[in-house]
Structures are given as structure tokens and as C-alpha cells.
Amino acid sequence: MKSIYVAADPNYSMVSGGGSFGTPLQTVIDPRTMKVVYVQEGYSGSFPQLEQLAQKNK
């Protein structure tokens, strides 16, 4: 079974730069350390950092 988790950040506490950001905003968090490892503004269609983290945390 595969699990996907989604978190809400209504106060935009994970956004740097004075509260302005592009959408969509995608934030990758390492579940073992709970640290933000990657932030992407906009859509690229590619997620190499997410794939690397998933392989690391198998």
C-alpha cells in the first residue's frame, strides 16, 4: 500500500521572501528529520529531489 500525505500551511510559515510566492508552491519535507529539503515555485513537470528523497527513505 502506498501512502501520500498532504499538509496545510494556511499562515505560509514555510514561505520565505516576505510572504510572496508563485503558485503552485511545492515543498518537499524529509519525514525523518522534518526539515524542508526543497521548495519549488511554479510547475516544472519534473521532481528529481522528491524522487531522490523517496529512494533514500525506502
PDB file of N, CA and C in Angstrom:
ATOM      1  N   MET A   1       0.846  -1.185   0.000  1.00  0.00           N
ATOM      2  CA  MET A   1       0.000   0.000   0.000  1.00  0.00           C
ATOM      3  C   MET A   1       0.885   1.240   0.000  1.00  0.00           C
ATOM      4  N   LYS A   2       0.561   2.197  -0.848  1.00  0.00           N
ATOM      5  CA  LYS A   2       1.308   3.447  -0.915  1.00  0.00           C
ATOM      6  C   LYS A   2       0.544   4.526  -0.174  1.00  0.00           C
ATOM      7  N   SER A   3       1.270   5.343   0.547  1.00  0.00           N
ATOM      8  CA  SER A   3       0.655   6.433   1.298  1.00  0.00           C
ATOM      9  C   SER A   3       1.151   7.767   0.773  1.00  0.00           C
ATOM     10  N   ILE A   4       0.265   8.724   0.717  1.00  0.00           N
ATOM     11  CA  ILE A   4       0.605  10.085   0.342  1.00  0.00           C
ATOM     12  C   ILE A   4       0.068  10.995   1.423  1.00  0.00           C
ATOM     13  N   TYR A   5       0.889  11.912   1.886  1.00  0.00           N
ATOM     14  CA  TYR A   5       0.482  12.840   2.926  1.00  0.00           C
ATOM     15  C   TYR A   5       0.499  14.256   2.383  1.00  0.00           C
ATOM     16  N   VAL A   6      -0.466  15.021   2.756  1.00  0.00           N
ATOM     17  CA  VAL A   6      -0.571  16.415   2.345  1.00  0.00           C
ATOM     18  C   VAL A   6      -0.702  17.255   3.604  1.00  0.00           C
ATOM     19  N   ALA A   7       0.052  18.345   3.670  1.00  0.00           N
ATOM     20  CA  ALA A   7      -0.009  19.231   4.834  1.00  0.00           C
ATOM     21  C   ALA A   7      -0.494  20.609   4.402  1.00  0.00           C
ATOM     22  N   ALA A   8      -1.211  21.269   5.279  1.00  0.00           N
ATOM     23  CA  ALA A   8      -1.684  22.629   5.021  1.00  0.00           C
ATOM     24  C   ALA A   8      -0.809  23.616   5.782  1.00  0.00           C
ATOM     25  N   ASP A   9      -0.561  24.748   5.180  1.00  0.00           N
ATOM     26  CA  ASP A   9       0.221  25.813   5.808  1.00  0.00           C
ATOM     27  C   ASP A   9      -0.513  27.135   5.571  1.00  0.00           C
ATOM     28  N   PRO A  10      -1.672  27.325   6.233  1.00  0.00           N
ATOM     29  CA  PRO A  10      -2.509  28.494   5.955  1.00  0.00           C
ATOM     30  C   PRO A  10      -1.851  29.830   6.281  1.00  0.00           C
ATOM     31  N   ASN A  11      -0.864  29.844   7.155  1.00  0.00           N
ATOM     32  CA  ASN A  11      -0.170  31.092   7.504  1.00  0.00           C
ATOM     33  C   ASN A  11       1.092  31.301   6.670  1.00  0.00           C
ATOM     34  N   TYR A  12       1.339  30.410   5.703  1.00  0.00           N
ATOM     35  CA  TYR A  12       2.503  30.491   4.825  1.00  0.00           C
ATOM     36  C   TYR A  12       3.810  30.595   5.604  1.00  0.00           C
ATOM     37  N   SER A  13       3.922  29.817   6.671  1.00  0.00           N
ATOM     38  CA  SER A  13       5.119  29.876   7.511  1.00  0.00           C
ATOM     39  C   SER A  13       6.345  29.274   6.830  1.00  0.00           C
ATOM     40  N   MET A  14       6.157  28.465   5.794  1.00  0.00           N
ATOM     41  CA  MET A  14       7.297  27.870   5.095  1.00  0.00           C
ATOM     42  C   MET A  14       7.716  28.690   3.881  1.00  0.00           C
ATOM     43  N   VAL A  15       7.135  29.855   3.695  1.00  0.00           N
ATOM     44  CA  VAL A  15       7.445  30.701   2.539  1.00  0.00           C
ATOM     45  C   VAL A  15       8.430  31.780   2.957  1.00  0.00           C
ATOM     46  N   SER A  16       9.540  31.835   2.258  1.00  0.00           N
ATOM     47  CA  SER A  16      10.497  32.903   2.528  1.00  0.00           C
ATOM     48  C   SER A  16      10.265  34.041   1.543  1.00  0.00           C
ATOM     49  N   GLY A  17      10.885  35.153   1.782  1.00  0.00           N
ATOM     50  CA  GLY A  17      10.795  36.260   0.841  1.00  0.00           C
ATOM     51  C   GLY A  17       9.667  37.230   1.133  1.00  0.00           C
ATOM     52  N   GLY A  18       9.258  37.350   2.378  1.00  0.00           N
ATOM     53  CA  GLY A  18       8.261  38.344   2.740  1.00  0.00           C
ATOM     54  C   GLY A  18       6.836  37.986   2.413  1.00  0.00           C
ATOM     55  N   GLY A  19       6.559  36.710   2.199  1.00  0.00           N
ATOM     56  CA  GLY A  19       5.182  36.285   2.001  1.00  0.00           C
ATOM     57  C   GLY A  19       4.723  36.254   0.556  1.00  0.00           C
ATOM     58  N   SER A  20       5.592  36.567  -0.396  1.00  0.00           N
ATOM     59  CA  SER A  20       5.188  36.449  -1.798  1.00  0.00           C
ATOM     60  C   SER A  20       5.719  35.130  -2.349  1.00  0.00           C
ATOM     61  N   PHE A  21       4.941  34.499  -3.190  1.00  0.00           N
ATOM     62  CA  PHE A  21       5.340  33.212  -3.753  1.00  0.00           C
ATOM     63  C   PHE A  21       4.568  32.959  -5.034  1.00  0.00           C
ATOM     64  N   GLY A  22       5.144  32.093  -5.868  1.00  0.00           N
ATOM     65  CA  GLY A  22       4.489  31.665  -7.093  1.00  0.00           C
ATOM     66  C   GLY A  22       3.630  30.447  -6.824  1.00  0.00           C
ATOM     67  N   THR A  23       2.644  30.246  -7.633  1.00  0.00           N
ATOM     68  CA  THR A  23       1.800  29.066  -7.479  1.00  0.00           C
ATOM     69  C   THR A  23       1.905  28.206  -8.725  1.00  0.00           C
ATOM     70  N   PRO A  24       1.816  26.904  -8.594  1.00  0.00           N
ATOM     71  CA  PRO A  24       1.722  26.200  -7.317  1.00  0.00           C
ATOM     72  C   PRO A  24       3.045  26.243  -6.567  1.00  0.00           C
ATOM     73  N   LEU A  25       2.953  26.126  -5.267  1.00  0.00           N
ATOM     74  CA  LEU A  25       4.128  26.085  -4.405  1.00  0.00           C
ATOM     75  C   LEU A  25       4.236  24.664  -3.877  1.00  0.00           C
ATOM     76  N   GLN A  26       5.340  24.011  -4.169  1.00  0.00           N
ATOM     77  CA  GLN A  26       5.552  22.638  -3.736  1.00  0.00           C
ATOM     78  C   GLN A  26       6.729  22.595  -2.782  1.00  0.00           C
ATOM     79  N   THR A  27       6.502  22.043  -1.607  1.00  0.00           N
ATOM     80  CA  THR A  27       7.532  21.950  -0.588  1.00  0.00           C
ATOM     81  C   THR A  27       7.755  20.481  -0.261  1.00  0.00           C
ATOM     82  N   VAL A  28       8.998  20.030  -0.334  1.00  0.00           N
ATOM     83  CA  VAL A  28       9.336  18.647  -0.003  1.00  0.00           C
ATOM     84  C   VAL A  28       9.988  18.648   1.368  1.00  0.00           C
ATOM     85  N   ILE A  29       9.441  17.831   2.268  1.00  0.00           N
ATOM     86  CA  ILE A  29       9.932  17.735   3.640  1.00  0.00           C
ATOM     87  C   ILE A  29      10.417  16.312   3.885  1.00  0.00           C
ATOM     88  N   ASP A  30      11.626  16.180   4.421  1.00  0.00           N
ATOM     89  CA  ASP A  30      12.157  14.864   4.767  1.00  0.00           C
ATOM     90  C   ASP A  30      11.399  14.373   5.999  1.00  0.00           C
ATOM     91  N   PRO A  31      10.669  13.264   5.892  1.00  0.00           N
ATOM     92  CA  PRO A  31       9.873  12.791   7.027  1.00  0.00           C
ATOM     93  C   PRO A  31      10.707  12.308   8.208  1.00  0.00           C
ATOM     94  N   ARG A  32      11.960  11.986   7.978  1.00  0.00           N
ATOM     95  CA  ARG A  32      12.821  11.518   9.074  1.00  0.00           C
ATOM     96  C   ARG A  32      13.360  12.665   9.908  1.00  0.00           C
ATOM     97  N   THR A  33      13.575  13.820   9.289  1.00  0.00           N
ATOM     98  CA  THR A  33      14.132  14.961  10.013  1.00  0.00           C
ATOM     99  C   THR A  33      13.141  16.109  10.169  1.00  0.00           C
ATOM    100  N   MET A  34      12.050  16.059   9.392  1.00  0.00           N
ATOM    101  CA  MET A  34      11.028  17.115   9.353  1.00  0.00           C
ATOM    102  C   MET A  34      11.616  18.450   8.912  1.00  0.00           C
ATOM    103  N   LYS A  35      12.645  18.388   8.065  1.00  0.00           N
ATOM    104  CA  LYS A  35      13.250  19.593   7.522  1.00  0.00           C
ATOM    105  C   LYS A  35      12.861  19.750   6.061  1.00  0.00           C
ATOM    106  N   VAL A  36      12.692  20.996   5.654  1.00  0.00           N
ATOM    107  CA  VAL A  36      12.393  21.292   4.260  1.00  0.00           C
ATOM    108  C   VAL A  36      13.660  21.034   3.451  1.00  0.00           C
ATOM    109  N   VAL A  37      13.562  20.175   2.438  1.00  0.00           N
ATOM    110  CA  VAL A  37      14.725  19.853   1.622  1.00  0.00           C
ATOM    111  C   VAL A  37      14.640  20.472   0.232  1.00  0.00           C
ATOM    112  N   TYR A  38      13.452  20.945  -0.156  1.00  0.00           N
ATOM    113  CA  TYR A  38      13.305  21.523  -1.488  1.00  0.00           C
ATOM    114  C   TYR A  38      12.013  22.314  -1.568  1.00  0.00           C
ATOM    115  N   VAL A  39      12.071  23.475  -2.208  1.00  0.00           N
ATOM    116  CA  VAL A  39      10.883  24.290  -2.455  1.00  0.00           C
ATOM    117  C   VAL A  39      10.891  24.667  -3.929  1.00  0.00           C
ATOM    118  N   GLN A  40       9.761  24.467  -4.586  1.00  0.00           N
ATOM    119  CA  GLN A  40       9.650  24.805  -5.999  1.00  0.00           C
ATOM    120  C   GLN A  40       8.419  25.673  -6.222  1.00  0.00           C
ATOM    121  N   GLU A  41       8.621  26.816  -6.842  1.00  0.00           N
ATOM    122  CA  GLU A  41       7.508  27.680  -7.223  1.00  0.00           C
ATOM    123  C   GLU A  41       7.216  27.432  -8.692  1.00  0.00           C
ATOM    124  N   GLY A  42       5.950  27.293  -9.021  1.00  0.00           N
ATOM    125  CA  GLY A  42       5.563  27.022 -10.395  1.00  0.00           C
ATOM    126  C   GLY A  42       5.607  25.533 -10.688  1.00  0.00           C
ATOM    127  N   TYR A  43       5.308  25.168 -11.918  1.00  0.00           N
ATOM    128  CA  TYR A  43       5.246  23.762 -12.303  1.00  0.00           C
ATOM    129  C   TYR A  43       6.325  23.460 -13.319  1.00  0.00           C
ATOM    130  N   SER A  44       7.137  22.440 -13.047  1.00  0.00           N
ATOM    131  CA  SER A  44       8.178  22.062 -13.996  1.00  0.00           C
ATOM    132  C   SER A  44       7.907  20.711 -14.637  1.00  0.00           C
ATOM    133  N   GLY A  45       7.055  19.887 -13.997  1.00  0.00           N
ATOM    134  CA  GLY A  45       6.781  18.547 -14.510  1.00  0.00           C
ATOM    135  C   GLY A  45       7.832  17.533 -14.120  1.00  0.00           C
ATOM    136  N   SER A  46       8.869  17.977 -13.426  1.00  0.00           N
ATOM    137  CA  SER A  46       9.959  17.112 -13.012  1.00  0.00           C
ATOM    138  C   SER A  46      10.183  17.276 -11.511  1.00  0.00           C
ATOM    139  N   PHE A  47      10.428  16.160 -10.823  1.00  0.00           N
ATOM    140  CA  PHE A  47      10.593  16.202  -9.374  1.00  0.00           C
ATOM    141  C   PHE A  47      11.789  15.358  -8.933  1.00  0.00           C
ATOM    142  N   PRO A  48      13.001  15.649  -9.420  1.00  0.00           N
ATOM    143  CA  PRO A  48      14.153  14.807  -9.067  1.00  0.00           C
ATOM    144  C   PRO A  48      14.465  14.799  -7.580  1.00  0.00           C
ATOM    145  N   GLN A  49      14.300  15.930  -6.878  1.00  0.00           N
ATOM    146  CA  GLN A  49      14.592  15.967  -5.445  1.00  0.00           C
ATOM    147  C   GLN A  49      13.625  15.079  -4.670  1.00  0.00           C
ATOM    148  N   LEU A  50      12.370  15.069  -5.063  1.00  0.00           N
ATOM    149  CA  LEU A  50      11.376  14.221  -4.405  1.00  0.00           C
ATOM    150  C   LEU A  50      11.678  12.747  -4.654  1.00  0.00           C
ATOM    151  N   GLU A  51      12.054  12.416  -5.875  1.00  0.00           N
ATOM    152  CA  GLU A  51      12.389  11.028  -6.203  1.00  0.00           C
ATOM    153  C   GLU A  51      13.623  10.561  -5.441  1.00  0.00           C
ATOM    154  N   GLN A  52      14.640  11.439  -5.317  1.00  0.00           N
ATOM    155  CA  GLN A  52      15.853  11.085  -4.570  1.00  0.00           C
ATOM    156  C   GLN A  52      15.520  10.854  -3.093  1.00  0.00           C
ATOM    157  N   LEU A  53      14.685  11.705  -2.522  1.00  0.00           N
ATOM    158  CA  LEU A  53      14.314  11.548  -1.117  1.00  0.00           C
ATOM    159  C   LEU A  53      13.525  10.257  -0.905  1.00  0.00           C
ATOM    160  N   ALA A  54      12.631   9.937  -1.822  1.00  0.00           N
ATOM    161  CA  ALA A  54      11.844   8.699  -1.718  1.00  0.00           C
ATOM    162  C   ALA A  54      12.755   7.477  -1.765  1.00  0.00           C
ATOM    163  N   GLN A  55      13.742   7.487  -2.658  1.00  0.00           N
ATOM    164  CA  GLN A  55      14.681   6.356  -2.736  1.00  0.00           C
ATOM    165  C   GLN A  55      15.508   6.239  -1.455  1.00  0.00           C
ATOM    166  N   LYS A  56      15.898   7.367  -0.901  1.00  0.00           N
ATOM    167  CA  LYS A  56      16.698   7.390   0.330  1.00  0.00           C
ATOM    168  C   LYS A  56      15.912   6.855   1.522  1.00  0.00           C
ATOM    169  N   ASN A  57      14.610   7.102   1.551  1.00  0.00           N
ATOM    170  CA  ASN A  57      13.777   6.738   2.703  1.00  0.00           C
ATOM    171  C   ASN A  57      12.984   5.450   2.501  1.00  0.00           C
ATOM    172  N   LYS A  58      13.412   4.592   1.584  1.00  0.00           N
ATOM    173  CA  LYS A  58      12.707   3.315   1.341  1.00  0.00           C
ATOM    174  C   LYS A  58      12.688   2.461   2.569  1.00  0.00           C
TER     175      LYS A  58
END
